[in-house]
C-alpha atoms as a PDB file:
ATOM      1  CA  UNK A   1      25.119  13.988  12.169  1.00  0.00           C
ATOM      2  CA  UNK A   2      21.526  13.936  11.017  1.00  0.00           C
ATOM      3  CA  UNK A   3      20.628  11.593   8.183  1.00  0.00           C
ATOM      4  CA  UNK A   4      19.362  14.552   6.182  1.00  0.00           C
ATOM      5  CA  UNK A   5      22.833  16.096   6.385  1.00  0.00           C
ATOM      6  CA  UNK A   6      24.450  12.825   5.374  1.00  0.00           C
ATOM      7  CA  UNK A   7      22.333  12.723   2.257  1.00  0.00           C
ATOM      8  CA  UNK A   8      23.381  16.246   1.357  1.00  0.00           C
ATOM      9  CA  UNK A   9      26.959  15.074   0.715  1.00  0.00           C
ATOM     10  CA  UNK A  10      25.898  12.418  -1.790  1.00  0.00           C
ATOM     11  CA  UNK A  11      25.565  12.869  -5.537  1.00  0.00           C
ATOM     12  CA  UNK A  12      24.404  10.155  -7.880  1.00  0.00           C
ATOM     13  CA  UNK A  13      26.794   9.646 -10.774  1.00  0.00           C
ATOM     14  CA  UNK A  14      28.726   6.883 -12.471  1.00  0.00           C
ATOM     15  CA  UNK A  15      31.882   7.990 -10.655  1.00  0.00           C
ATOM     16  CA  UNK A  16      30.203   8.152  -7.219  1.00  0.00           C
ATOM     17  CA  UNK A  17      31.388  11.630  -6.204  1.00  0.00           C
ATOM     18  CA  UNK A  18      30.887  12.307  -2.506  1.00  0.00           C
ATOM     19  CA  UNK A  19      31.486  16.071  -2.371  1.00  0.00           C
ATOM     20  CA  UNK A  20      29.395  18.944  -3.676  1.00  0.00           C
ATOM     21  CA  UNK A  21      30.205  22.548  -4.468  1.00  0.00           C
ATOM     22  CA  UNK A  22      26.604  23.715  -4.443  1.00  0.00           C
ATOM     23  CA  UNK A  23      23.372  22.725  -2.783  1.00  0.00           C
ATOM     24  CA  UNK A  24      21.270  20.140  -4.611  1.00  0.00           C
ATOM     25  CA  UNK A  25      17.769  19.316  -3.361  1.00  0.00           C
ATOM     26  CA  UNK A  26      16.590  15.840  -2.348  1.00  0.00           C
ATOM     27  CA  UNK A  27      14.364  15.829  -5.405  1.00  0.00           C
ATOM     28  CA  UNK A  28      17.374  16.338  -7.644  1.00  0.00           C
ATOM     29  CA  UNK A  29      19.088  13.378  -6.014  1.00  0.00           C
ATOM     30  CA  UNK A  30      16.089  11.162  -6.600  1.00  0.00           C
ATOM     31  CA  UNK A  31      15.725  12.319 -10.186  1.00  0.00           C
ATOM     32  CA  UNK A  32      19.360  11.319 -10.677  1.00  0.00           C
ATOM     33  CA  UNK A  33      18.604   7.953  -9.124  1.00  0.00           C
ATOM     34  CA  UNK A  34      15.754   7.322 -11.530  1.00  0.00           C
ATOM     35  CA  UNK A  35      17.862   8.378 -14.514  1.00  0.00           C
ATOM     36  CA  UNK A  36      20.758   6.230 -13.417  1.00  0.00           C
ATOM     37  CA  UNK A  37      18.719   3.095 -12.934  1.00  0.00           C
ATOM     38  CA  UNK A  38      16.432   3.522 -15.926  1.00  0.00           C
ATOM     39  CA  UNK A  39      19.548   3.328 -18.098  1.00  0.00           C
ATOM     40  CA  UNK A  40      20.700   0.197 -16.295  1.00  0.00           C
ATOM     41  CA  UNK A  41      17.606  -2.004 -16.414  1.00  0.00           C
ATOM     42  CA  UNK A  42      15.319  -3.220 -19.155  1.00  0.00           C
ATOM     43  CA  UNK A  43      11.507  -3.191 -19.006  1.00  0.00           C
ATOM     44  CA  UNK A  44      11.320  -6.755 -20.279  1.00  0.00           C
ATOM     45  CA  UNK A  45      12.913  -8.127 -17.122  1.00  0.00           C
ATOM     46  CA  UNK A  46      10.895  -9.754 -14.365  1.00  0.00           C
ATOM     47  CA  UNK A  47      11.592  -9.483 -10.659  1.00  0.00           C
ATOM     48  CA  UNK A  48      11.475 -12.739  -8.733  1.00  0.00           C
ATOM     49  CA  UNK A  49       9.255 -12.402  -5.690  1.00  0.00           C
ATOM     50  CA  UNK A  50      10.520 -13.324  -2.268  1.00  0.00           C
ATOM     51  CA  UNK A  51       9.000 -16.072  -0.148  1.00  0.00           C
ATOM     52  CA  UNK A  52       7.671 -13.310   2.095  1.00  0.00           C
ATOM     53  CA  UNK A  53       5.654 -11.702  -0.702  1.00  0.00           C
ATOM     54  CA  UNK A  54       4.474 -15.043  -2.093  1.00  0.00           C
ATOM     55  CA  UNK A  55       3.276 -16.181   1.342  1.00  0.00           C
ATOM     56  CA  UNK A  56       1.474 -12.881   1.863  1.00  0.00           C
ATOM     57  CA  UNK A  57      -0.269 -13.188  -1.507  1.00  0.00           C
ATOM     58  CA  UNK A  58      -1.438 -16.679  -0.595  1.00  0.00           C
ATOM     59  CA  UNK A  59      -2.760 -15.525   2.783  1.00  0.00           C
ATOM     60  CA  UNK A  60      -4.614 -12.615   1.168  1.00  0.00           C
ATOM     61  CA  UNK A  61      -6.060 -14.954  -1.479  1.00  0.00           C
ATOM     62  CA  UNK A  62      -7.526 -17.144   1.273  1.00  0.00           C
ATOM     63  CA  UNK A  63      -9.066 -14.076   2.920  1.00  0.00           C
ATOM     64  CA  UNK A  64     -10.444 -12.756  -0.375  1.00  0.00           C
ATOM     65  CA  UNK A  65     -12.026 -16.100  -1.261  1.00  0.00           C
ATOM     66  CA  UNK A  66     -14.052 -15.905   1.942  1.00  0.00           C
ATOM     67  CA  UNK A  67     -15.476 -12.568   0.824  1.00  0.00           C
ATOM     68  CA  UNK A  68     -16.540 -13.597  -2.661  1.00  0.00           C
ATOM     69  CA  UNK A  69     -20.113 -14.450  -3.543  1.00  0.00           C
ATOM     70  CA  UNK A  70     -20.708 -17.579  -5.553  1.00  0.00           C
ATOM     71  CA  UNK A  71     -20.548 -16.910  -9.281  1.00  0.00           C
ATOM     72  CA  UNK A  72     -24.282 -17.219  -9.909  1.00  0.00           C
ATOM     73  CA  UNK A  73     -25.141 -14.816  -7.066  1.00  0.00           C
ATOM     74  CA  UNK A  74     -22.650 -12.273  -8.331  1.00  0.00           C
ATOM     75  CA  UNK A  75     -23.992 -12.610 -11.860  1.00  0.00           C
ATOM     76  CA  UNK A  76     -27.551 -12.002 -10.601  1.00  0.00           C
ATOM     77  CA  UNK A  77     -26.488  -8.861  -8.772  1.00  0.00           C
ATOM     78  CA  UNK A  78     -24.368  -7.603 -11.657  1.00  0.00           C
ATOM     79  CA  UNK A  79     -26.592  -8.277 -14.667  1.00  0.00           C
ATOM     80  CA  UNK A  80     -29.996  -9.778 -13.877  1.00  0.00           C
ATOM     81  CA  UNK A  81     -31.620  -8.185 -10.830  1.00  0.00           C
ATOM     82  CA  UNK A  82     -29.224  -5.522  -9.494  1.00  0.00           C
ATOM     83  CA  UNK A  83     -32.000  -3.477  -7.851  1.00  0.00           C
ATOM     84  CA  UNK A  84     -34.197  -6.315  -6.632  1.00  0.00           C
ATOM     85  CA  UNK A  85     -31.458  -8.408  -5.080  1.00  0.00           C
ATOM     86  CA  UNK A  86     -30.359  -6.687  -1.882  1.00  0.00           C
ATOM     87  CA  UNK A  87     -27.273  -8.291  -0.351  1.00  0.00           C
ATOM     88  CA  UNK A  88     -26.729  -6.186   2.764  1.00  0.00           C
ATOM     89  CA  UNK A  89     -28.903  -4.833   5.550  1.00  0.00           C
ATOM     90  CA  UNK A  90     -28.485  -3.679   9.140  1.00  0.00           C
ATOM     91  CA  UNK A  91     -29.979  -6.898  10.475  1.00  0.00           C
ATOM     92  CA  UNK A  92     -27.891  -9.206   8.259  1.00  0.00           C
ATOM     93  CA  UNK A  93     -24.672  -7.448   9.276  1.00  0.00           C
ATOM     94  CA  UNK A  94     -25.671  -7.403  12.933  1.00  0.00           C
ATOM     95  CA  UNK A  95     -26.252 -11.151  12.803  1.00  0.00           C
ATOM     96  CA  UNK A  96     -23.127 -11.847  10.742  1.00  0.00           C
ATOM     97  CA  UNK A  97     -20.412  -9.134  10.969  1.00  0.00           C
ATOM     98  CA  UNK A  98     -18.465 -10.769   8.123  1.00  0.00           C
ATOM     99  CA  UNK A  99     -21.222  -9.438   5.847  1.00  0.00           C
ATOM    100  CA  UNK A 100     -19.817  -5.958   6.495  1.00  0.00           C
ATOM    101  CA  UNK A 101     -16.442  -7.053   5.149  1.00  0.00           C
ATOM    102  CA  UNK A 102     -18.289  -8.280   2.052  1.00  0.00           C
ATOM    103  CA  UNK A 103     -20.012  -4.905   1.804  1.00  0.00           C
ATOM    104  CA  UNK A 104     -16.602  -3.188   1.798  1.00  0.00           C
ATOM    105  CA  UNK A 105     -15.287  -5.653  -0.794  1.00  0.00           C
ATOM    106  CA  UNK A 106     -18.245  -5.252  -3.159  1.00  0.00           C
ATOM    107  CA  UNK A 107     -18.088  -1.493  -3.544  1.00  0.00           C
ATOM    108  CA  UNK A 108     -19.193  -1.924  -7.164  1.00  0.00           C
ATOM    109  CA  UNK A 109     -22.666  -2.829  -5.867  1.00  0.00           C
ATOM    110  CA  UNK A 110     -23.090   0.091  -3.452  1.00  0.00           C
ATOM    111  CA  UNK A 111     -25.152   2.257  -5.788  1.00  0.00           C
ATOM    112  CA  UNK A 112     -27.757  -0.514  -5.985  1.00  0.00           C
ATOM    113  CA  UNK A 113     -27.743  -1.387  -2.285  1.00  0.00           C
ATOM    114  CA  UNK A 114     -30.580   0.456  -0.524  1.00  0.00           C
ATOM    115  CA  UNK A 115     -30.812  -1.210   2.891  1.00  0.00           C
ATOM    116  CA  UNK A 116     -27.347  -0.408   4.182  1.00  0.00           C
ATOM    117  CA  UNK A 117     -24.781   2.406   4.028  1.00  0.00           C
ATOM    118  CA  UNK A 118     -22.115   3.933   6.264  1.00  0.00           C
ATOM    119  CA  UNK A 119     -24.632   6.506   7.503  1.00  0.00           C
ATOM    120  CA  UNK A 120     -25.363   4.440  10.605  1.00  0.00           C
ATOM    121  CA  UNK A 121     -26.928   5.908  13.748  1.00  0.00           C
ATOM    122  CA  UNK A 122     -26.669   2.665  15.710  1.00  0.00           C
ATOM    123  CA  UNK A 123     -23.442   2.953  17.738  1.00  0.00           C
ATOM    124  CA  UNK A 124     -23.459  -0.736  18.640  1.00  0.00           C
ATOM    125  CA  UNK A 125     -23.760  -1.727  14.993  1.00  0.00           C
ATOM    126  CA  UNK A 126     -20.848   0.533  14.113  1.00  0.00           C
ATOM    127  CA  UNK A 127     -18.764  -1.105  16.820  1.00  0.00           C
ATOM    128  CA  UNK A 128     -19.676  -4.471  15.327  1.00  0.00           C
ATOM    129  CA  UNK A 129     -18.481  -3.280  11.912  1.00  0.00           C
ATOM    130  CA  UNK A 130     -15.208  -1.905  13.305  1.00  0.00           C
ATOM    131  CA  UNK A 131     -14.444  -5.159  15.086  1.00  0.00           C
ATOM    132  CA  UNK A 132     -15.374  -7.443  12.203  1.00  0.00           C
ATOM    133  CA  UNK A 133     -12.334  -9.452  11.059  1.00  0.00           C
ATOM    134  CA  UNK A 134     -11.358 -12.617   9.228  1.00  0.00           C
ATOM    135  CA  UNK A 135      -7.962 -13.938  10.265  1.00  0.00           C
ATOM    136  CA  UNK A 136      -6.739 -10.487  11.308  1.00  0.00           C
ATOM    137  CA  UNK A 137      -7.995  -8.716   8.171  1.00  0.00           C
ATOM    138  CA  UNK A 138     -10.545  -5.970   8.816  1.00  0.00           C
ATOM    139  CA  UNK A 139     -12.891  -3.886   6.668  1.00  0.00           C
ATOM    140  CA  UNK A 140      -9.900  -1.796   5.525  1.00  0.00           C
ATOM    141  CA  UNK A 141      -8.295  -4.801   3.826  1.00  0.00           C
ATOM    142  CA  UNK A 142     -11.588  -5.755   2.226  1.00  0.00           C
ATOM    143  CA  UNK A 143     -11.962  -2.213   0.890  1.00  0.00           C
ATOM    144  CA  UNK A 144      -8.418  -2.138  -0.540  1.00  0.00           C
ATOM    145  CA  UNK A 145      -8.979  -5.450  -2.315  1.00  0.00           C
ATOM    146  CA  UNK A 146     -12.268  -4.330  -3.901  1.00  0.00           C
ATOM    147  CA  UNK A 147     -12.375  -5.047  -7.631  1.00  0.00           C
ATOM    148  CA  UNK A 148     -14.003  -3.272 -10.582  1.00  0.00           C
ATOM    149  CA  UNK A 149     -13.879   0.165  -8.948  1.00  0.00           C
ATOM    150  CA  UNK A 150     -11.669   3.146  -9.764  1.00  0.00           C
ATOM    151  CA  UNK A 151      -8.783   3.775  -7.317  1.00  0.00           C
ATOM    152  CA  UNK A 152     -10.175   7.265  -6.707  1.00  0.00           C
ATOM    153  CA  UNK A 153     -13.541   5.801  -5.650  1.00  0.00           C
ATOM    154  CA  UNK A 154     -11.778   3.265  -3.468  1.00  0.00           C
ATOM    155  CA  UNK A 155      -9.825   6.078  -1.812  1.00  0.00           C
ATOM    156  CA  UNK A 156     -13.038   7.987  -1.024  1.00  0.00           C
ATOM    157  CA  UNK A 157     -14.590   4.914   0.578  1.00  0.00           C
ATOM    158  CA  UNK A 158     -11.403   4.186   2.528  1.00  0.00           C
ATOM    159  CA  UNK A 159     -11.433   7.757   3.817  1.00  0.00           C
ATOM    160  CA  UNK A 160     -15.015   7.281   4.993  1.00  0.00           C
ATOM    161  CA  UNK A 161     -13.975   4.242   7.010  1.00  0.00           C
ATOM    162  CA  UNK A 162     -11.019   6.106   8.508  1.00  0.00           C
ATOM    163  CA  UNK A 163     -13.238   9.073   9.362  1.00  0.00           C
ATOM    164  CA  UNK A 164     -15.476   6.634  11.244  1.00  0.00           C
ATOM    165  CA  UNK A 165     -12.485   5.599  13.364  1.00  0.00           C
ATOM    166  CA  UNK A 166     -11.613   2.321  11.663  1.00  0.00           C
ATOM    167  CA  UNK A 167      -8.077   1.417  12.715  1.00  0.00           C
ATOM    168  CA  UNK A 168      -5.774  -0.733  10.545  1.00  0.00           C
ATOM    169  CA  UNK A 169      -4.636  -4.086  11.866  1.00  0.00           C
ATOM    170  CA  UNK A 170      -1.138  -5.413  11.244  1.00  0.00           C
ATOM    171  CA  UNK A 171      -2.467  -7.414   8.304  1.00  0.00           C
ATOM    172  CA  UNK A 172      -4.282  -4.369   6.888  1.00  0.00           C
ATOM    173  CA  UNK A 173      -0.926  -2.582   6.784  1.00  0.00           C
ATOM    174  CA  UNK A 174       0.611  -5.552   4.952  1.00  0.00           C
ATOM    175  CA  UNK A 175      -2.183  -5.471   2.363  1.00  0.00           C
ATOM    176  CA  UNK A 176      -1.568  -1.762   1.802  1.00  0.00           C
ATOM    177  CA  UNK A 177       2.147  -2.336   1.399  1.00  0.00           C
ATOM    178  CA  UNK A 178       1.555  -5.113  -1.103  1.00  0.00           C
ATOM    179  CA  UNK A 179      -0.811  -2.841  -3.049  1.00  0.00           C
ATOM    180  CA  UNK A 180       1.931  -0.204  -3.185  1.00  0.00           C
ATOM    181  CA  UNK A 181       4.515  -2.840  -4.142  1.00  0.00           C
ATOM    182  CA  UNK A 182       2.320  -3.946  -7.046  1.00  0.00           C
ATOM    183  CA  UNK A 183       2.060  -0.359  -8.272  1.00  0.00           C
ATOM    184  CA  UNK A 184       5.830  -0.211  -8.811  1.00  0.00           C
ATOM    185  CA  UNK A 185       7.213  -0.911 -12.264  1.00  0.00           C
ATOM    186  CA  UNK A 186       9.761  -3.667 -12.847  1.00  0.00           C
ATOM    187  CA  UNK A 187      12.474  -1.021 -13.232  1.00  0.00           C
ATOM    188  CA  UNK A 188      11.568   0.586  -9.916  1.00  0.00           C
ATOM    189  CA  UNK A 189      11.669  -2.761  -8.105  1.00  0.00           C
ATOM    190  CA  UNK A 190      15.036  -3.525  -9.707  1.00  0.00           C
ATOM    191  CA  UNK A 191      16.245  -0.116  -8.598  1.00  0.00           C
ATOM    192  CA  UNK A 192      15.451  -0.810  -4.953  1.00  0.00           C
ATOM    193  CA  UNK A 193      16.973  -4.280  -5.045  1.00  0.00           C
ATOM    194  CA  UNK A 194      20.169  -2.936  -6.637  1.00  0.00           C
ATOM    195  CA  UNK A 195      20.387  -0.056  -4.168  1.00  0.00           C
ATOM    196  CA  UNK A 196      19.638  -2.051  -1.010  1.00  0.00           C
ATOM    197  CA  UNK A 197      21.578  -5.182  -1.900  1.00  0.00           C
ATOM    198  CA  UNK A 198      24.442  -3.770  -3.937  1.00  0.00           C
ATOM    199  CA  UNK A 199      27.111  -6.190  -5.111  1.00  0.00           C
ATOM    200  CA  UNK A 200      30.696  -5.599  -3.914  1.00  0.00           C
ATOM    201  CA  UNK A 201      31.687  -4.730  -7.492  1.00  0.00           C
ATOM    202  CA  UNK A 202      29.261  -1.759  -7.690  1.00  0.00           C
ATOM    203  CA  UNK A 203      30.000   1.740  -6.450  1.00  0.00           C
ATOM    204  CA  UNK A 204      26.781   1.709  -4.387  1.00  0.00           C
ATOM    205  CA  UNK A 205      28.404  -0.918  -2.172  1.00  0.00           C
ATOM    206  CA  UNK A 206      30.815   1.755  -0.954  1.00  0.00           C
ATOM    207  CA  UNK A 207      27.969   3.568   0.811  1.00  0.00           C
ATOM    208  CA  UNK A 208      26.978   2.455   4.332  1.00  0.00           C
ATOM    209  CA  UNK A 209      23.854   0.294   4.406  1.00  0.00           C
ATOM    210  CA  UNK A 210      21.888   2.772   6.531  1.00  0.00           C
ATOM    211  CA  UNK A 211      22.583   5.558   4.007  1.00  0.00           C
ATOM    212  CA  UNK A 212      21.414   3.376   1.127  1.00  0.00           C
ATOM    213  CA  UNK A 213      18.290   2.508   3.115  1.00  0.00           C
ATOM    214  CA  UNK A 214      17.608   6.163   3.825  1.00  0.00           C
ATOM    215  CA  UNK A 215      17.918   7.010   0.122  1.00  0.00           C
ATOM    216  CA  UNK A 216      15.395   4.227  -0.564  1.00  0.00           C
ATOM    217  CA  UNK A 217      13.092   5.651   2.129  1.00  0.00           C
ATOM    218  CA  UNK A 218      13.073   9.015   0.439  1.00  0.00           C
ATOM    219  CA  UNK A 219      12.608   7.629  -3.069  1.00  0.00           C
ATOM    220  CA  UNK A 220       9.601   5.638  -1.840  1.00  0.00           C
ATOM    221  CA  UNK A 221       8.168   8.813  -0.356  1.00  0.00           C
ATOM    222  CA  UNK A 222       8.617  10.608  -3.669  1.00  0.00           C
ATOM    223  CA  UNK A 223       7.000   7.728  -5.552  1.00  0.00           C
ATOM    224  CA  UNK A 224       3.935   7.977  -3.346  1.00  0.00           C
ATOM    225  CA  UNK A 225       3.747  11.723  -3.796  1.00  0.00           C
ATOM    226  CA  UNK A 226       4.266  11.587  -7.568  1.00  0.00           C
ATOM    227  CA  UNK A 227       1.799   8.771  -8.167  1.00  0.00           C
ATOM    228  CA  UNK A 228      -0.937  10.291  -6.026  1.00  0.00           C
ATOM    229  CA  UNK A 229      -2.729   9.256  -2.872  1.00  0.00           C
ATOM    230  CA  UNK A 230      -4.226   6.189  -4.525  1.00  0.00           C
ATOM    231  CA  UNK A 231      -1.039   4.172  -3.991  1.00  0.00           C
ATOM    232  CA  UNK A 232      -1.178   4.517  -0.184  1.00  0.00           C
ATOM    233  CA  UNK A 233      -4.574   4.454   1.506  1.00  0.00           C
ATOM    234  CA  UNK A 234      -3.787   4.508   5.223  1.00  0.00           C
ATOM    235  CA  UNK A 235      -3.349   7.612   7.388  1.00  0.00           C
ATOM    236  CA  UNK A 236       0.090   8.879   8.346  1.00  0.00           C
ATOM    237  CA  UNK A 237       1.221   9.133  11.947  1.00  0.00           C
ATOM    238  CA  UNK A 238       3.220  12.296  12.599  1.00  0.00           C
ATOM    239  CA  UNK A 239       6.087  12.707  15.035  1.00  0.00           C
ATOM    240  CA  UNK A 240       6.013  16.187  16.495  1.00  0.00           C
ATOM    241  CA  UNK A 241       9.676  16.011  17.529  1.00  0.00           C
ATOM    242  CA  UNK A 242      10.943  15.025  14.093  1.00  0.00           C
ATOM    243  CA  UNK A 243      10.940  16.675  10.699  1.00  0.00           C
ATOM    244  CA  UNK A 244       9.847  13.416   9.060  1.00  0.00           C
ATOM    245  CA  UNK A 245       6.314  12.046   8.910  1.00  0.00           C
ATOM    246  CA  UNK A 246       6.530   8.415   9.955  1.00  0.00           C
ATOM    247  CA  UNK A 247       3.939   5.756   9.196  1.00  0.00           C
ATOM    248  CA  UNK A 248       3.728   2.242  10.593  1.00  0.00           C
ATOM    249  CA  UNK A 249       4.515   0.489   7.356  1.00  0.00           C
ATOM    250  CA  UNK A 250       7.014  -1.801   5.699  1.00  0.00           C
ATOM    251  CA  UNK A 251       8.329  -2.331   2.197  1.00  0.00           C
ATOM    252  CA  UNK A 252       8.792  -5.870   0.917  1.00  0.00           C
ATOM    253  CA  UNK A 253      12.134  -6.538  -0.701  1.00  0.00           C
ATOM    254  CA  UNK A 254      13.348  -9.624  -2.543  1.00  0.00           C
ATOM    255  CA  UNK A 255      15.537 -10.907   0.312  1.00  0.00           C
ATOM    256  CA  UNK A 256      12.678 -11.905   2.606  1.00  0.00           C
ATOM    257  CA  UNK A 257      13.125  -8.775   4.743  1.00  0.00           C
ATOM    258  CA  UNK A 258      11.057  -5.766   5.687  1.00  0.00           C
ATOM    259  CA  UNK A 259      12.454  -2.359   4.870  1.00  0.00           C
ATOM    260  CA  UNK A 260      10.836   0.041   7.308  1.00  0.00           C
ATOM    261  CA  UNK A 261      10.433   3.372   5.602  1.00  0.00           C
ATOM    262  CA  UNK A 262       9.319   6.932   6.227  1.00  0.00           C
ATOM    263  CA  UNK A 263       6.321   8.289   4.353  1.00  0.00           C
END
């Protein structure tokens, strides 16, 4: 039986009824999920992060520190001589490809940078930019981590990179997942932990693990759709032989595991 059909026999309620007399949409199920869990958890709780998430944060911090200008240089560019001080040029990036990652990280300076943009005619230079990495993180990670820019502006720049055939590395995908994870509220994180790792005393424990995972998959998809494209920056890979759109991505849970999910 297809997973979609299995979901159609579930209804979220305090009595965990498994039959239905009328059709209820997936959206109705997920709305019930949100209502159920919002009544169960308090906003003043904190969710302990797993070792997986903590290690990823540390690795990203090391990468980000290699992109940052020294404080005086950044102050000059921000406040003192924003037009005069030009940080990026074709020649500087050609000689040091890491400079392109800095360019993607410092999107807040783009309007005052006049010697470099993504409108590049030099194919070799573009290849250099695409291949530029630090420890497996590419320009896509640098762009996601950019600070002091609106998410909508970040999305536009990310789309430009993708349109120029920038492909995400494994670490880029992890950065995107962590960005999405950080967009979730404490209640939403608690909801996933309770659903995926239900205690034997809860009625959710009666459901098979793969069904509970599939419910989580669909709720994540709805969260992305409801919160807009700015919570997930990477393109989606489509399976032509399946009704679902599947992306190469993972969701970090609090038990040091990946939850692979459909987008």
